[in-house]
N, C-alpha and C. Protein backbone atom coordinates (compact mmCIF):
# COMPACT_ATOMS: atom_id res chain seq x y z
N UNK A 1 -103.77 -53.05 6.81
CA UNK A 1 -104.67 -53.45 5.08
C UNK A 1 -105.75 -54.28 5.37
N UNK A 2 -106.45 -54.48 3.69
CA UNK A 2 -107.70 -54.73 3.52
C UNK A 2 -107.23 -55.60 3.03
N UNK A 3 -108.25 -57.02 3.30
CA UNK A 3 -108.21 -58.48 2.58
C UNK A 3 -107.67 -58.39 0.71
N UNK A 4 -108.47 -57.28 0.22
CA UNK A 4 -108.60 -56.85 -1.13
C UNK A 4 -106.98 -56.52 -1.46
N UNK A 5 -106.97 -55.50 -0.62
CA UNK A 5 -105.58 -54.88 -0.27
C UNK A 5 -104.27 -55.82 -0.74
N UNK A 6 -104.85 -56.55 0.31
CA UNK A 6 -103.35 -57.60 0.39
C UNK A 6 -103.27 -58.60 -1.39
N UNK A 7 -104.68 -59.19 -1.43
CA UNK A 7 -104.30 -59.83 -2.34
C UNK A 7 -103.92 -59.01 -3.92
N UNK A 8 -104.30 -58.13 -3.76
CA UNK A 8 -104.10 -56.95 -5.01
C UNK A 8 -102.68 -56.24 -5.25
N UNK A 9 -102.10 -57.12 -3.85
CA UNK A 9 -100.62 -56.62 -4.26
C UNK A 9 -99.65 -58.01 -4.43
N UNK A 10 -100.37 -59.10 -3.71
CA UNK A 10 -100.10 -60.50 -4.45
C UNK A 10 -99.89 -60.76 -6.02
N UNK A 11 -101.21 -60.19 -6.53
CA UNK A 11 -101.43 -60.47 -7.62
C UNK A 11 -100.78 -59.99 -8.44
N UNK A 12 -100.69 -58.70 -8.09
CA UNK A 12 -99.11 -57.54 -8.78
C UNK A 12 -97.84 -58.09 -8.32
N UNK A 13 -97.22 -58.59 -7.49
CA UNK A 13 -96.25 -59.45 -7.35
C UNK A 13 -96.06 -60.54 -8.11
N UNK A 14 -96.79 -61.69 -8.53
CA UNK A 14 -96.89 -62.48 -9.05
C UNK A 14 -96.58 -61.93 -10.65
N UNK A 15 -98.06 -61.27 -11.26
CA UNK A 15 -97.31 -60.44 -12.74
C UNK A 15 -96.25 -60.00 -12.95
N UNK A 16 -95.45 -59.46 -11.65
CA UNK A 16 -94.28 -58.84 -11.67
C UNK A 16 -93.10 -59.39 -12.01
N UNK A 17 -93.23 -60.72 -11.48
CA UNK A 17 -91.85 -61.25 -11.86
C UNK A 17 -92.00 -63.05 -13.00
N UNK A 18 -93.28 -62.21 -13.88
CA UNK A 18 -93.49 -62.78 -15.26
C UNK A 18 -93.53 -63.92 -14.65
N UNK A 19 -94.18 -64.61 -14.23
CA UNK A 19 -94.34 -66.05 -13.87
C UNK A 19 -94.77 -66.78 -15.34
N UNK A 20 -93.90 -68.01 -15.73
CA UNK A 20 -94.18 -69.00 -16.86
C UNK A 20 -95.18 -70.03 -16.74
N UNK A 21 -96.48 -69.68 -16.97
CA UNK A 21 -97.54 -70.06 -16.39
C UNK A 21 -97.21 -71.76 -17.68
N UNK A 22 -96.51 -71.82 -18.47
CA UNK A 22 -96.40 -73.41 -19.47
C UNK A 22 -95.82 -74.16 -18.37
N UNK A 23 -95.35 -74.14 -17.09
CA UNK A 23 -94.43 -74.70 -16.55
C UNK A 23 -95.48 -75.07 -15.35
N UNK A 24 -95.93 -76.49 -15.15
CA UNK A 24 -96.66 -77.31 -13.61
C UNK A 24 -96.91 -76.19 -12.38
N UNK A 25 -95.05 -75.84 -12.17
CA UNK A 25 -95.21 -75.09 -10.89
C UNK A 25 -95.98 -73.90 -11.11
N UNK A 26 -96.03 -72.46 -12.44
CA UNK A 26 -96.61 -71.75 -12.69
C UNK A 26 -97.71 -71.60 -13.37
N UNK A 27 -98.57 -72.71 -13.69
CA UNK A 27 -99.66 -73.22 -13.36
C UNK A 27 -100.50 -72.95 -12.25
N UNK A 28 -99.79 -74.24 -11.33
CA UNK A 28 -100.33 -74.36 -10.22
C UNK A 28 -100.27 -72.95 -9.03
N UNK A 29 -99.14 -71.76 -9.78
CA UNK A 29 -99.48 -70.60 -8.96
C UNK A 29 -100.23 -69.53 -9.57
N UNK A 30 -100.67 -69.96 -10.43
CA UNK A 30 -101.77 -68.93 -11.21
C UNK A 30 -102.81 -69.34 -11.01
N UNK A 31 -102.99 -70.90 -10.64
CA UNK A 31 -104.38 -71.15 -10.42
C UNK A 31 -105.13 -71.02 -8.85
N UNK A 32 -103.31 -70.87 -7.72
CA UNK A 32 -103.51 -70.56 -6.32
C UNK A 32 -104.69 -69.11 -6.47
N UNK A 33 -103.85 -68.57 -7.00
CA UNK A 33 -103.79 -66.84 -7.20
C UNK A 33 -105.58 -67.17 -7.50
N UNK A 34 -106.01 -67.27 -8.29
CA UNK A 34 -107.20 -66.91 -9.36
C UNK A 34 -108.42 -67.68 -7.99
N UNK A 35 -107.53 -68.88 -7.43
CA UNK A 35 -108.81 -69.29 -6.37
C UNK A 35 -108.90 -68.88 -4.57
N UNK A 36 -107.53 -67.67 -4.69
CA UNK A 36 -107.40 -66.59 -3.73
C UNK A 36 -108.61 -65.57 -3.86
N UNK A 37 -108.33 -65.21 -4.94
CA UNK A 37 -109.36 -63.65 -5.18
C UNK A 37 -110.46 -63.74 -5.34
N UNK A 38 -110.88 -65.14 -5.55
CA UNK A 38 -112.30 -65.60 -5.62
C UNK A 38 -112.55 -65.55 -4.07
N UNK A 39 -112.09 -66.53 -3.21
CA UNK A 39 -112.64 -66.65 -1.97
C UNK A 39 -112.37 -65.27 -1.58
N UNK A 40 -111.07 -64.34 -1.55
CA UNK A 40 -110.94 -62.95 -1.18
C UNK A 40 -112.46 -62.15 -1.45
N UNK A 41 -112.99 -62.49 -2.87
CA UNK A 41 -114.44 -61.95 -2.91
C UNK A 41 -115.42 -62.10 -2.15
N UNK A 42 -115.40 -63.49 -2.30
CA UNK A 42 -116.45 -64.10 -1.38
C UNK A 42 -116.23 -63.40 -0.49
N UNK A 43 -115.64 -63.84 0.73
CA UNK A 43 -115.53 -63.34 1.83
C UNK A 43 -115.63 -61.31 2.11
N UNK A 44 -115.53 -61.21 1.04
CA UNK A 44 -115.79 -59.73 1.21
C UNK A 44 -116.99 -59.71 1.36
N UNK A 45 -117.75 -60.44 0.35
CA UNK A 45 -119.33 -60.25 0.12
C UNK A 45 -120.28 -60.67 1.21
N UNK A 46 -119.61 -62.04 2.03
CA UNK A 46 -119.94 -62.20 3.42
C UNK A 46 -120.12 -61.63 4.22
N UNK A 47 -118.39 -60.57 4.59
CA UNK A 47 -118.71 -59.67 5.95
C UNK A 47 -119.64 -58.54 5.55
N UNK A 48 -120.13 -58.01 4.27
CA UNK A 48 -120.90 -57.08 3.79
C UNK A 48 -122.59 -57.49 4.27
N UNK A 49 -122.38 -59.06 4.09
CA UNK A 49 -124.02 -59.24 4.47
C UNK A 49 -123.98 -59.31 6.13
N UNK A 50 -123.04 -59.82 6.40
CA UNK A 50 -122.49 -59.88 8.26
C UNK A 50 -122.70 -58.21 8.68
N UNK A 51 -122.46 -57.69 8.13
CA UNK A 51 -122.48 -56.43 8.99
C UNK A 51 -123.93 -55.90 8.82
N UNK A 52 -124.26 -55.89 7.36
CA UNK A 52 -125.62 -55.89 7.39
C UNK A 52 -127.10 -56.51 8.23
N UNK A 53 -126.78 -57.74 8.53
CA UNK A 53 -127.69 -58.19 9.12
C UNK A 53 -127.37 -57.82 10.99
N UNK A 54 -126.34 -57.54 11.11
CA UNK A 54 -125.89 -56.86 12.67
C UNK A 54 -126.35 -55.83 12.93
N UNK A 55 -126.46 -54.84 11.80
CA UNK A 55 -127.85 -53.54 12.03
C UNK A 55 -128.68 -53.78 11.96
N UNK A 56 -129.01 -55.10 11.01
CA UNK A 56 -131.09 -55.48 11.46
C UNK A 56 -131.15 -55.56 12.30
N UNK A 57 -130.36 -56.24 13.40
CA UNK A 57 -130.39 -57.04 14.28
C UNK A 57 -130.54 -55.68 15.29
N UNK A 58 -129.50 -55.32 15.47
CA UNK A 58 -129.11 -53.98 16.45
C UNK A 58 -131.13 -53.04 16.22
N UNK A 59 -131.65 -52.95 14.87
CA UNK A 59 -132.91 -51.58 14.71
C UNK A 59 -133.23 -52.67 15.72
N UNK A 60 -133.74 -54.39 15.15
CA UNK A 60 -134.62 -54.78 15.94
C UNK A 60 -134.76 -55.15 17.11
N UNK A 61 -133.55 -55.00 17.92
CA UNK A 61 -133.24 -55.35 19.46
C UNK A 61 -133.95 -53.97 19.82
N UNK A 62 -133.58 -52.45 19.47
CA UNK A 62 -134.34 -51.08 19.67
C UNK A 62 -135.53 -51.21 19.87
N UNK A 63 -135.91 -51.78 18.70
CA UNK A 63 -137.39 -51.95 18.44
C UNK A 63 -138.40 -52.42 19.26
N UNK A 64 -137.46 -53.72 19.78
CA UNK A 64 -138.15 -54.64 20.36
C UNK A 64 -138.09 -53.65 22.15
N UNK A 65 -137.16 -53.12 22.30
CA UNK A 65 -137.64 -53.02 23.32
C UNK A 65 -138.35 -51.85 23.63
N UNK A 66 -138.75 -50.80 22.72
CA UNK A 66 -139.76 -50.22 22.82
C UNK A 66 -140.58 -50.74 22.84
N UNK A 67 -141.10 -51.86 22.35
CA UNK A 67 -142.70 -52.54 22.17
C UNK A 67 -142.32 -52.84 23.41
N UNK A 68 -141.61 -53.79 24.47
CA UNK A 68 -141.42 -54.16 25.87
C UNK A 68 -141.83 -52.92 26.58
N UNK A 69 -141.40 -51.41 26.74
CA UNK A 69 -141.24 -50.47 27.53
C UNK A 69 -143.18 -50.09 27.59
N UNK A 70 -143.01 -50.36 26.19
CA UNK A 70 -144.58 -49.68 25.90
C UNK A 70 -145.60 -51.09 26.35
N UNK A 71 -145.55 -52.07 26.48
CA UNK A 71 -146.34 -53.09 26.44
C UNK A 71 -146.52 -53.65 27.92
N UNK A 72 -145.26 -53.40 28.67
CA UNK A 72 -145.29 -54.10 30.04
C UNK A 72 -144.94 -52.99 30.85
N UNK A 73 -145.01 -52.06 30.12
CA UNK A 73 -145.25 -50.70 30.94
C UNK A 73 -143.84 -50.57 32.29
N UNK A 74 -142.84 -51.43 31.59
CA UNK A 74 -141.73 -51.03 32.50
C UNK A 74 -141.43 -49.72 33.38
N UNK A 75 -141.04 -49.77 34.72
CA UNK A 75 -140.66 -48.68 35.72
C UNK A 75 -139.75 -48.50 36.51
N UNK A 76 -138.84 -48.58 35.93
CA UNK A 76 -137.35 -48.96 36.80
C UNK A 76 -137.47 -47.96 38.05
N UNK A 77 -138.25 -47.14 38.70
CA UNK A 77 -138.28 -46.28 39.50
C UNK A 77 -139.73 -46.79 40.95
N UNK A 78 -140.03 -48.07 40.80
CA UNK A 78 -140.67 -48.73 41.34
C UNK A 78 -140.65 -50.19 41.91
N UNK A 79 -139.41 -49.76 42.52
CA UNK A 79 -139.15 -51.54 42.53
C UNK A 79 -140.11 -51.63 44.13
N UNK A 80 -140.38 -50.83 44.72
CA UNK A 80 -141.09 -51.25 45.80
C UNK A 80 -142.82 -51.38 45.44
N UNK A 81 -143.18 -51.38 44.24
CA UNK A 81 -144.26 -51.86 43.79
C UNK A 81 -144.44 -53.45 43.91
N UNK A 82 -145.70 -53.95 43.69
CA UNK A 82 -145.78 -55.87 43.29
C UNK A 82 -145.68 -55.99 41.63
N UNK A 83 -145.39 -56.77 41.20
CA UNK A 83 -145.19 -57.05 40.07
C UNK A 83 -147.11 -57.09 39.31
N UNK A 84 -148.19 -56.87 40.26
CA UNK A 84 -149.21 -57.51 38.95
C UNK A 84 -150.23 -55.67 39.92
N UNK A 85 -149.94 -54.84 38.59
CA UNK A 85 -150.26 -53.34 38.42
C UNK A 85 -152.22 -53.24 37.76
N UNK A 86 -152.41 -54.48 38.48
CA UNK A 86 -154.14 -54.72 38.36
C UNK A 86 -154.99 -54.61 39.08
N UNK A 87 -155.91 -53.82 37.76
CA UNK A 87 -156.86 -53.01 38.91
C UNK A 87 -158.06 -54.09 39.29
N UNK A 88 -158.46 -54.24 40.48
CA UNK A 88 -159.93 -55.20 40.84
C UNK A 88 -161.13 -54.94 39.84
N UNK A 89 -161.39 -54.20 39.17
CA UNK A 89 -161.97 -53.82 38.56
C UNK A 89 -161.90 -54.55 37.27
N UNK A 90 -160.86 -54.87 36.85
CA UNK A 90 -161.01 -55.28 35.21
C UNK A 90 -161.68 -56.78 35.08
N UNK A 91 -161.95 -57.28 36.06
CA UNK A 91 -162.71 -58.35 35.90
C UNK A 91 -164.61 -58.88 36.16
N UNK A 92 -164.61 -57.14 36.16
CA UNK A 92 -166.02 -57.09 36.74
C UNK A 92 -167.15 -57.59 35.59
N UNK A 93 -166.83 -57.62 34.31
CA UNK A 93 -167.64 -57.79 33.25
C UNK A 93 -167.60 -58.56 32.93
N UNK A 94 -166.52 -59.88 33.03
CA UNK A 94 -166.21 -61.03 33.17
C UNK A 94 -167.69 -62.00 33.75
N UNK A 95 -167.70 -63.04 32.59
CA UNK A 95 -169.40 -63.57 33.13
C UNK A 95 -168.57 -65.11 33.65
N UNK A 96 -168.33 -65.16 34.61
CA UNK A 96 -168.08 -66.97 35.25
C UNK A 96 -168.89 -67.58 35.26
N UNK A 97 -168.64 -68.94 35.83
CA UNK A 97 -169.99 -69.85 35.43
C UNK A 97 -170.04 -69.81 36.85
N UNK A 98 -171.25 -69.79 37.47
CA UNK A 98 -171.66 -69.84 38.26
C UNK A 98 -172.41 -71.11 38.91
N UNK A 99 -172.79 -72.13 38.20
CA UNK A 99 -173.07 -73.31 37.99
C UNK A 99 -172.82 -74.39 39.50
N UNK A 100 -171.19 -73.85 40.30
CA UNK A 100 -171.06 -74.50 41.52
C UNK A 100 -171.35 -73.91 42.07
N UNK A 101 -172.27 -72.55 42.31
CA UNK A 101 -172.33 -71.57 43.46
C UNK A 101 -173.65 -71.99 44.20
N UNK A 102 -174.42 -73.25 43.98
CA UNK A 102 -175.39 -73.60 44.83
C UNK A 102 -174.60 -74.88 45.43
N UNK A 103 -173.55 -75.77 45.48
CA UNK A 103 -173.56 -76.68 45.72
C UNK A 103 -172.62 -76.57 46.90
N UNK A 104 -172.65 -77.19 48.53
CA UNK A 104 -172.51 -76.86 49.54
C UNK A 104 -170.84 -77.43 49.59
N UNK A 105 -170.34 -76.47 50.51
CA UNK A 105 -168.75 -76.81 51.30
C UNK A 105 -169.11 -77.85 52.14
N UNK A 106 -168.12 -78.48 52.68
CA UNK A 106 -167.56 -78.49 54.01
C UNK A 106 -166.23 -78.75 54.22
N UNK A 107 -166.06 -78.36 55.78
CA UNK A 107 -164.43 -77.82 55.79
C UNK A 107 -163.96 -78.46 56.73
N UNK A 108 -162.94 -79.60 56.19
CA UNK A 108 -162.27 -80.04 56.70
C UNK A 108 -160.86 -80.24 57.43
N UNK A 109 -160.26 -80.30 58.81
CA UNK A 109 -158.90 -80.24 59.14
C UNK A 109 -157.79 -80.98 58.84
N UNK A 110 -157.04 -81.64 58.16
CA UNK A 110 -156.07 -82.14 58.25
C UNK A 110 -155.40 -82.24 59.61
N UNK A 111 -155.65 -83.40 60.17
CA UNK A 111 -155.05 -83.72 61.28
C UNK A 111 -153.62 -83.39 61.07
N UNK A 112 -152.88 -84.01 60.68
CA UNK A 112 -150.86 -83.82 60.34
C UNK A 112 -150.48 -82.28 60.75
N UNK A 113 -151.21 -81.49 59.74
CA UNK A 113 -150.27 -80.22 59.83
C UNK A 113 -151.36 -79.34 59.80
N UNK A 114 -152.68 -79.03 60.03
CA UNK A 114 -153.92 -78.33 61.19
C UNK A 114 -154.57 -77.46 59.78
N UNK A 115 -154.16 -77.38 58.65
CA UNK A 115 -154.82 -76.94 57.64
C UNK A 115 -156.41 -77.43 57.34
N UNK A 116 -157.29 -76.15 57.45
CA UNK A 116 -158.30 -75.88 56.73
C UNK A 116 -158.64 -76.68 54.97
N UNK A 117 -159.25 -77.22 55.04
CA UNK A 117 -159.86 -77.58 53.82
C UNK A 117 -160.71 -77.13 53.19
N UNK A 118 -161.31 -77.05 52.00
CA UNK A 118 -162.75 -76.45 52.09
C UNK A 118 -163.55 -77.76 51.07
N UNK A 119 -163.99 -78.92 51.40
CA UNK A 119 -164.60 -79.60 50.50
C UNK A 119 -165.95 -79.37 49.55
N UNK A 120 -166.35 -80.07 48.24
CA UNK A 120 -167.83 -80.21 48.22
C UNK A 120 -168.26 -81.63 48.76
N UNK A 121 -169.17 -82.08 47.84
CA UNK A 121 -169.89 -83.24 48.22
C UNK A 121 -169.23 -83.96 47.19
N UNK A 122 -168.91 -83.95 45.55
CA UNK A 122 -168.05 -85.07 45.20
C UNK A 122 -166.89 -85.20 45.24
N UNK A 123 -166.07 -84.36 46.07
CA UNK A 123 -164.77 -84.89 47.23
C UNK A 123 -164.97 -85.75 48.19
N UNK A 124 -166.08 -85.54 48.50
CA UNK A 124 -166.26 -85.95 49.95
C UNK A 124 -166.88 -87.63 49.57
N UNK A 125 -167.76 -87.46 48.55
CA UNK A 125 -167.93 -89.16 47.91
C UNK A 125 -167.06 -89.90 47.34
N UNK A 126 -165.48 -89.29 47.14
CA UNK A 126 -164.16 -90.00 46.56
C UNK A 126 -163.37 -90.56 47.40
N UNK A 127 -163.71 -90.52 48.93
CA UNK A 127 -163.85 -91.05 50.14
C UNK A 127 -162.26 -90.94 50.43
N UNK A 128 -161.17 -90.07 49.80
CA UNK A 128 -159.62 -90.02 50.08
C UNK A 128 -159.65 -89.07 49.59
N UNK A 129 -157.95 -88.14 49.86
CA UNK A 129 -157.84 -87.21 48.56
C UNK A 129 -156.20 -86.78 49.15
N UNK A 130 -155.22 -86.56 49.14
CA UNK A 130 -154.30 -86.03 50.10
C UNK A 130 -154.14 -84.14 50.21
N UNK A 131 -154.41 -83.98 51.08
CA UNK A 131 -153.65 -82.50 51.61
C UNK A 131 -153.02 -81.88 51.00
N UNK A 132 -153.39 -80.84 50.21
CA UNK A 132 -152.88 -79.82 49.68
C UNK A 132 -152.02 -79.46 50.30
N UNK A 133 -151.42 -79.00 51.72
CA UNK A 133 -150.70 -78.41 52.12
C UNK A 133 -149.08 -79.05 52.23
N UNK A 134 -150.11 -80.67 53.04
CA UNK A 134 -148.43 -81.62 53.60
C UNK A 134 -148.42 -82.70 53.11
N UNK A 135 -149.70 -83.39 52.22
CA UNK A 135 -149.41 -84.62 51.41
C UNK A 135 -149.73 -85.88 52.15
N UNK A 136 -150.68 -85.84 53.10
CA UNK A 136 -150.80 -86.52 54.18
C UNK A 136 -152.14 -86.82 53.36
N UNK A 137 -152.84 -88.72 53.51
CA UNK A 137 -153.81 -88.60 52.43
C UNK A 137 -154.82 -88.97 53.91
N UNK A 138 -156.15 -88.27 53.32
CA UNK A 138 -157.46 -87.72 54.21
C UNK A 138 -158.26 -88.95 53.49
N UNK A 139 -158.66 -90.06 54.56
CA UNK A 139 -159.62 -90.86 54.29
C UNK A 139 -161.50 -90.09 55.20
N UNK A 140 -162.55 -89.66 54.00
CA UNK A 140 -163.24 -89.88 54.51
C UNK A 140 -164.00 -91.08 54.49
N UNK A 141 -164.95 -91.61 55.38
CA UNK A 141 -165.78 -92.78 55.89
C UNK A 141 -167.23 -92.11 56.11
N UNK A 142 -168.14 -91.71 55.66
CA UNK A 142 -169.51 -90.99 55.51
C UNK A 142 -171.15 -91.85 55.87
N UNK A 143 -170.47 -93.50 55.58
CA UNK A 143 -171.40 -94.90 55.65
C UNK A 143 -171.90 -94.61 57.06
N UNK A 144 -171.17 -94.32 57.94
CA UNK A 144 -171.85 -94.38 59.24
C UNK A 144 -172.47 -92.77 60.15
N UNK A 145 -172.36 -92.15 59.24
CA UNK A 145 -172.60 -90.68 60.18
C UNK A 145 -174.03 -90.70 58.94
N UNK A 146 -175.01 -90.24 60.21
CA UNK A 146 -175.98 -89.42 59.55
C UNK A 146 -175.98 -87.82 59.39
N UNK A 147 -176.63 -87.22 59.02
CA UNK A 147 -177.11 -85.92 58.37
C UNK A 147 -176.32 -85.08 59.28
N UNK A 148 -176.94 -85.12 61.02
CA UNK A 148 -176.85 -84.25 61.52
C UNK A 148 -175.03 -84.90 62.00
N UNK A 149 -174.44 -85.80 61.87
CA UNK A 149 -173.03 -85.74 62.08
C UNK A 149 -172.10 -85.16 60.98
N UNK A 150 -172.66 -85.13 60.02
CA UNK A 150 -171.82 -84.34 58.64
C UNK A 150 -171.45 -82.53 58.94
N UNK A 151 -171.92 -81.91 60.19
CA UNK A 151 -172.09 -80.58 60.70
C UNK A 151 -172.83 -80.12 59.65
N UNK A 152 -172.49 -77.96 60.01
CA UNK A 152 -172.88 -77.50 58.96
C UNK A 152 -172.29 -77.37 57.85
N UNK A 153 -172.66 -77.36 56.71
CA UNK A 153 -171.38 -76.85 55.91
C UNK A 153 -171.36 -75.69 55.78
N UNK A 154 -170.27 -74.99 55.37
CA UNK A 154 -169.67 -73.84 55.19
C UNK A 154 -170.40 -73.15 53.66
N UNK A 155 -170.81 -71.91 54.47
CA UNK A 155 -171.44 -70.63 53.26
C UNK A 155 -170.60 -69.30 52.74
N UNK A 156 -170.38 -69.73 51.76
CA UNK A 156 -169.28 -68.89 50.81
C UNK A 156 -169.21 -67.45 50.61
N UNK A 157 -170.66 -67.36 50.90
CA UNK A 157 -170.91 -65.99 51.14
C UNK A 157 -170.79 -65.47 52.49
N UNK A 158 -170.40 -66.06 53.57
CA UNK A 158 -170.37 -65.51 55.17
C UNK A 158 -169.18 -64.37 55.41
N UNK A 159 -168.93 -63.62 56.28
CA UNK A 159 -167.98 -63.01 55.91
C UNK A 159 -166.63 -63.03 56.02
N UNK A 160 -166.28 -63.89 56.68
CA UNK A 160 -165.59 -65.04 57.77
C UNK A 160 -165.02 -65.69 56.01
N UNK A 161 -165.57 -66.00 55.23
CA UNK A 161 -165.11 -66.96 54.01
C UNK A 161 -165.02 -65.86 52.99
N UNK A 162 -165.02 -65.04 53.12
CA UNK A 162 -164.99 -63.72 51.47
C UNK A 162 -163.51 -63.12 52.30
């Protein structure tokens, strides 16, 4: 039985017993029945709104799923592929900032982990830095060195650096 049917049954039962609404008890029961009838109508309205919103959410979820499939190009069969389906030619037309290409790079080997680090002259001028691999503080004292002691700068365009 639905809530409205139960309330109609209760209202009919109260009307059937010829409730005397002139007494205090009769007034209270009649008012309680009226309030309950309003509550039932309000609850039925809310239930209709909830049902409508639930249906709209399901439609939105389906539409979003379609958009995700189109946008992300999900393919469950490609489990062995990497996450990037990028084409190397995607960035050919992009104008990267080439101002720093002329700056010389120097290779430094961390004494703790043996990792090779490429530094520019600005980084060397700072005097120290943390190794990106192990975090060891590397200090550079270039005051006592002449140009021959610095070694040959690393050319980024050589095959071993590409």
